[in-house]
Structure formats: C-alpha cells, structure tokens
C-alpha cells in the first residue's frame, strides 16, 4: 500500500514537471523560430556585401567599350579592375550571422528532440 501511494505521488510529480518543461520548451521553440527568421533576413542583406555590385561592373565595361570606339587604347583610358574585394569586415560579419543562424537552428532541433523524449517518457508512466 505504501509503495503504490509513493509511486502515485511520484507519477503526479513527474507529470507536473514534464508538463511545465514542455511549456518552457514550446516558448523556447517559438523564440528560436522567430530569432532564426530575423537572423535570416539580416543574413540575406549582409550576403550582398560579399558580391560585386552589378551596376559598377557594367559601367566599367561600358567605359572600355567607349574607349575602344574612340580608337584609344585601354591603357590611356580608365583603369578597369574586374576583381572584387569585399569590405574588410564583410566576411567576418557574414560568418557571425551564419554562426548565429546555425546555433539557433541547433537549439530548435535539440528542443524538438527533448520534447519528443518527454512524450516518450510520459507515455511510459502508468496512469
């Protein structure tokens, strides 16, 4: 009789704890999802700094064409540098955005795993 009373009390205690933890994980998952969405928006904009501006390259090529049409040499015309070098901090900033997104998605993944484990745990409890 004492063991069954103790087991019943422990099951109620476990169910209450698991319910509270599930609610906390639900909140964490919502936050992780919203955070990932915001970071993705910033990441999309930040990635643009790693690529050359298409208009600048078109302008440089048009200047070369105009110089050739005037029968002048490219050396006497404007210098055309087709290489693109991003700003000094752009790769670092993008790496940090990607790292933040990866961590946020990893937290959401772990939260889902823990929530599934809670489901399995509560299914194993006697009712």
C-alpha atoms as a PDB file:
ATOM      1  CA  UNK A   1       0.000   0.000   0.000  1.00  0.00           C
ATOM      2  CA  UNK A   2       2.778   2.436   0.895  1.00  0.00           C
ATOM      3  CA  UNK A   3       4.677   1.669  -2.322  1.00  0.00           C
ATOM      4  CA  UNK A   4       1.627   2.282  -4.512  1.00  0.00           C
ATOM      5  CA  UNK A   5       0.951   5.597  -2.721  1.00  0.00           C
ATOM      6  CA  UNK A   6       4.582   6.601  -3.202  1.00  0.00           C
ATOM      7  CA  UNK A   7       4.516   5.558  -6.880  1.00  0.00           C
ATOM      8  CA  UNK A   8       1.296   7.512  -7.473  1.00  0.00           C
ATOM      9  CA  UNK A   9       2.766  10.614  -5.819  1.00  0.00           C
ATOM     10  CA  UNK A  10       5.937  10.335  -7.909  1.00  0.00           C
ATOM     11  CA  UNK A  11       3.942   9.898 -11.140  1.00  0.00           C
ATOM     12  CA  UNK A  12       1.914  13.016 -10.372  1.00  0.00           C
ATOM     13  CA  UNK A  13       5.117  14.874  -9.573  1.00  0.00           C
ATOM     14  CA  UNK A  14       6.752  13.691 -12.830  1.00  0.00           C
ATOM     15  CA  UNK A  15       3.695  14.570 -14.913  1.00  0.00           C
ATOM     16  CA  UNK A  16       3.566  18.067 -13.427  1.00  0.00           C
ATOM     17  CA  UNK A  17       7.278  18.609 -14.059  1.00  0.00           C
ATOM     18  CA  UNK A  18       7.112  17.293 -17.618  1.00  0.00           C
ATOM     19  CA  UNK A  19       4.085  19.483 -18.362  1.00  0.00           C
ATOM     20  CA  UNK A  20       5.940  22.556 -17.083  1.00  0.00           C
ATOM     21  CA  UNK A  21       9.077  21.649 -19.048  1.00  0.00           C
ATOM     22  CA  UNK A  22       7.081  21.102 -22.242  1.00  0.00           C
ATOM     23  CA  UNK A  23       5.571  24.565 -21.900  1.00  0.00           C
ATOM     24  CA  UNK A  24       9.026  26.073 -21.408  1.00  0.00           C
ATOM     25  CA  UNK A  25      10.323  24.241 -24.468  1.00  0.00           C
ATOM     26  CA  UNK A  26       7.349  25.467 -26.509  1.00  0.00           C
ATOM     27  CA  UNK A  27       8.300  29.024 -25.583  1.00  0.00           C
ATOM     28  CA  UNK A  28      11.925  28.314 -26.472  1.00  0.00           C
ATOM     29  CA  UNK A  29      10.906  26.885 -29.855  1.00  0.00           C
ATOM     30  CA  UNK A  30       8.797  29.943 -30.679  1.00  0.00           C
ATOM     31  CA  UNK A  31      11.664  32.250 -29.724  1.00  0.00           C
ATOM     32  CA  UNK A  32      14.192  30.174 -31.711  1.00  0.00           C
ATOM     33  CA  UNK A  33      11.921  30.232 -34.762  1.00  0.00           C
ATOM     34  CA  UNK A  34      11.415  33.986 -34.625  1.00  0.00           C
ATOM     35  CA  UNK A  35      15.099  34.587 -33.959  1.00  0.00           C
ATOM     36  CA  UNK A  36      16.052  32.376 -36.921  1.00  0.00           C
ATOM     37  CA  UNK A  37      13.676  34.299 -39.181  1.00  0.00           C
ATOM     38  CA  UNK A  38      15.137  37.653 -38.147  1.00  0.00           C
ATOM     39  CA  UNK A  39      18.725  36.417 -38.482  1.00  0.00           C
ATOM     40  CA  UNK A  40      17.912  35.026 -41.934  1.00  0.00           C
ATOM     41  CA  UNK A  41      16.595  38.425 -43.032  1.00  0.00           C
ATOM     42  CA  UNK A  42      19.789  40.121 -41.847  1.00  0.00           C
ATOM     43  CA  UNK A  43      21.892  37.382 -43.433  1.00  0.00           C
ATOM     44  CA  UNK A  44      20.258  37.855 -46.834  1.00  0.00           C
ATOM     45  CA  UNK A  45      21.037  41.566 -46.743  1.00  0.00           C
ATOM     46  CA  UNK A  46      24.540  41.026 -45.397  1.00  0.00           C
ATOM     47  CA  UNK A  47      25.428  38.487 -48.105  1.00  0.00           C
ATOM     48  CA  UNK A  48      25.007  41.211 -50.700  1.00  0.00           C
ATOM     49  CA  UNK A  49      28.198  42.822 -49.389  1.00  0.00           C
ATOM     50  CA  UNK A  50      30.180  39.745 -50.473  1.00  0.00           C
ATOM     51  CA  UNK A  51      29.278  40.132 -54.159  1.00  0.00           C
ATOM     52  CA  UNK A  52      30.189  42.924 -56.546  1.00  0.00           C
ATOM     53  CA  UNK A  53      27.577  45.486 -57.439  1.00  0.00           C
ATOM     54  CA  UNK A  54      26.411  44.569 -60.973  1.00  0.00           C
ATOM     55  CA  UNK A  55      25.989  48.211 -61.969  1.00  0.00           C
ATOM     56  CA  UNK A  56      29.637  49.038 -61.215  1.00  0.00           C
ATOM     57  CA  UNK A  57      30.889  46.272 -63.464  1.00  0.00           C
ATOM     58  CA  UNK A  58      28.544  47.308 -66.271  1.00  0.00           C
ATOM     59  CA  UNK A  59      29.754  50.911 -66.014  1.00  0.00           C
ATOM     60  CA  UNK A  60      33.395  49.789 -66.179  1.00  0.00           C
ATOM     61  CA  UNK A  61      32.711  47.630 -69.230  1.00  0.00           C
ATOM     62  CA  UNK A  62      30.829  50.461 -70.946  1.00  0.00           C
ATOM     63  CA  UNK A  63      33.812  52.752 -70.337  1.00  0.00           C
ATOM     64  CA  UNK A  64      36.083  50.179 -72.001  1.00  0.00           C
ATOM     65  CA  UNK A  65      33.734  49.934 -74.975  1.00  0.00           C
ATOM     66  CA  UNK A  66      33.565  53.724 -75.258  1.00  0.00           C
ATOM     67  CA  UNK A  67      37.369  53.955 -75.145  1.00  0.00           C
ATOM     68  CA  UNK A  68      37.696  51.345 -77.883  1.00  0.00           C
ATOM     69  CA  UNK A  69      35.152  53.142 -80.055  1.00  0.00           C
ATOM     70  CA  UNK A  70      37.221  56.321 -79.792  1.00  0.00           C
ATOM     71  CA  UNK A  71      40.150  54.299 -81.133  1.00  0.00           C
ATOM     72  CA  UNK A  72      42.085  54.832 -77.968  1.00  0.00           C
ATOM     73  CA  UNK A  73      43.935  52.162 -76.132  1.00  0.00           C
ATOM     74  CA  UNK A  74      42.748  50.707 -72.887  1.00  0.00           C
ATOM     75  CA  UNK A  75      45.957  51.872 -71.177  1.00  0.00           C
ATOM     76  CA  UNK A  76      45.163  55.503 -71.946  1.00  0.00           C
ATOM     77  CA  UNK A  77      41.548  55.065 -70.912  1.00  0.00           C
ATOM     78  CA  UNK A  78      40.209  54.464 -67.466  1.00  0.00           C
ATOM     79  CA  UNK A  79      41.564  51.560 -65.493  1.00  0.00           C
ATOM     80  CA  UNK A  80      39.168  48.652 -65.339  1.00  0.00           C
ATOM     81  CA  UNK A  81      39.577  46.420 -62.335  1.00  0.00           C
ATOM     82  CA  UNK A  82      37.349  43.380 -62.726  1.00  0.00           C
ATOM     83  CA  UNK A  83      38.424  41.896 -59.415  1.00  0.00           C
ATOM     84  CA  UNK A  84      36.092  42.312 -56.490  1.00  0.00           C
ATOM     85  CA  UNK A  85      37.340  42.573 -52.943  1.00  0.00           C
ATOM     86  CA  UNK A  86      34.662  42.786 -50.244  1.00  0.00           C
ATOM     87  CA  UNK A  87      34.966  45.212 -47.379  1.00  0.00           C
ATOM     88  CA  UNK A  88      37.351  44.181 -44.603  1.00  0.00           C
ATOM     89  CA  UNK A  89      34.652  43.290 -42.079  1.00  0.00           C
ATOM     90  CA  UNK A  90      32.090  41.799 -44.507  1.00  0.00           C
ATOM     91  CA  UNK A  91      33.323  38.167 -44.352  1.00  0.00           C
ATOM     92  CA  UNK A  92      33.565  38.313 -40.553  1.00  0.00           C
ATOM     93  CA  UNK A  93      30.078  39.781 -40.196  1.00  0.00           C
ATOM     94  CA  UNK A  94      28.636  37.158 -42.537  1.00  0.00           C
ATOM     95  CA  UNK A  95      30.417  34.373 -40.673  1.00  0.00           C
ATOM     96  CA  UNK A  96      28.901  35.619 -37.419  1.00  0.00           C
ATOM     97  CA  UNK A  97      25.405  35.783 -38.964  1.00  0.00           C
ATOM     98  CA  UNK A  98      25.767  32.223 -40.282  1.00  0.00           C
ATOM     99  CA  UNK A  99      27.059  31.018 -36.910  1.00  0.00           C
ATOM    100  CA  UNK A 100      24.134  32.650 -35.150  1.00  0.00           C
ATOM    101  CA  UNK A 101      21.676  31.009 -37.538  1.00  0.00           C
ATOM    102  CA  UNK A 102      23.305  27.593 -37.123  1.00  0.00           C
ATOM    103  CA  UNK A 103      23.193  27.845 -33.325  1.00  0.00           C
ATOM    104  CA  UNK A 104      19.578  28.980 -33.389  1.00  0.00           C
ATOM    105  CA  UNK A 105      18.547  26.067 -35.596  1.00  0.00           C
ATOM    106  CA  UNK A 106      20.570  23.660 -33.452  1.00  0.00           C
ATOM    107  CA  UNK A 107      18.774  24.870 -30.325  1.00  0.00           C
ATOM    108  CA  UNK A 108      15.419  24.373 -32.046  1.00  0.00           C
ATOM    109  CA  UNK A 109      16.462  20.869 -33.108  1.00  0.00           C
ATOM    110  CA  UNK A 110      17.547  19.928 -29.585  1.00  0.00           C
ATOM    111  CA  UNK A 111      14.308  21.397 -28.227  1.00  0.00           C
ATOM    112  CA  UNK A 112      12.303  19.176 -30.571  1.00  0.00           C
ATOM    113  CA  UNK A 113      14.308  16.123 -29.536  1.00  0.00           C
ATOM    114  CA  UNK A 114      13.761  16.859 -25.852  1.00  0.00           C
ATOM    115  CA  UNK A 115      10.057  17.409 -26.441  1.00  0.00           C
ATOM    116  CA  UNK A 116       9.812  14.032 -28.189  1.00  0.00           C
ATOM    117  CA  UNK A 117      11.714  12.431 -25.341  1.00  0.00           C
ATOM    118  CA  UNK A 118       9.226  13.950 -22.869  1.00  0.00           C
ATOM    119  CA  UNK A 119       6.406  12.417 -24.904  1.00  0.00           C
ATOM    120  CA  UNK A 120       8.036   9.005 -24.722  1.00  0.00           C
ATOM    121  CA  UNK A 121       8.736   9.434 -21.025  1.00  0.00           C
ATOM    122  CA  UNK A 122       5.155  10.368 -20.160  1.00  0.00           C
ATOM    123  CA  UNK A 123       3.804   7.530 -22.309  1.00  0.00           C
ATOM    124  CA  UNK A 124       5.821   5.129 -20.164  1.00  0.00           C
ATOM    125  CA  UNK A 125       4.330   6.415 -16.926  1.00  0.00           C
ATOM    126  CA  UNK A 126       1.466   4.399 -15.526  1.00  0.00           C
ATOM    127  CA  UNK A 127      -1.842   6.196 -15.494  1.00  0.00           C
END
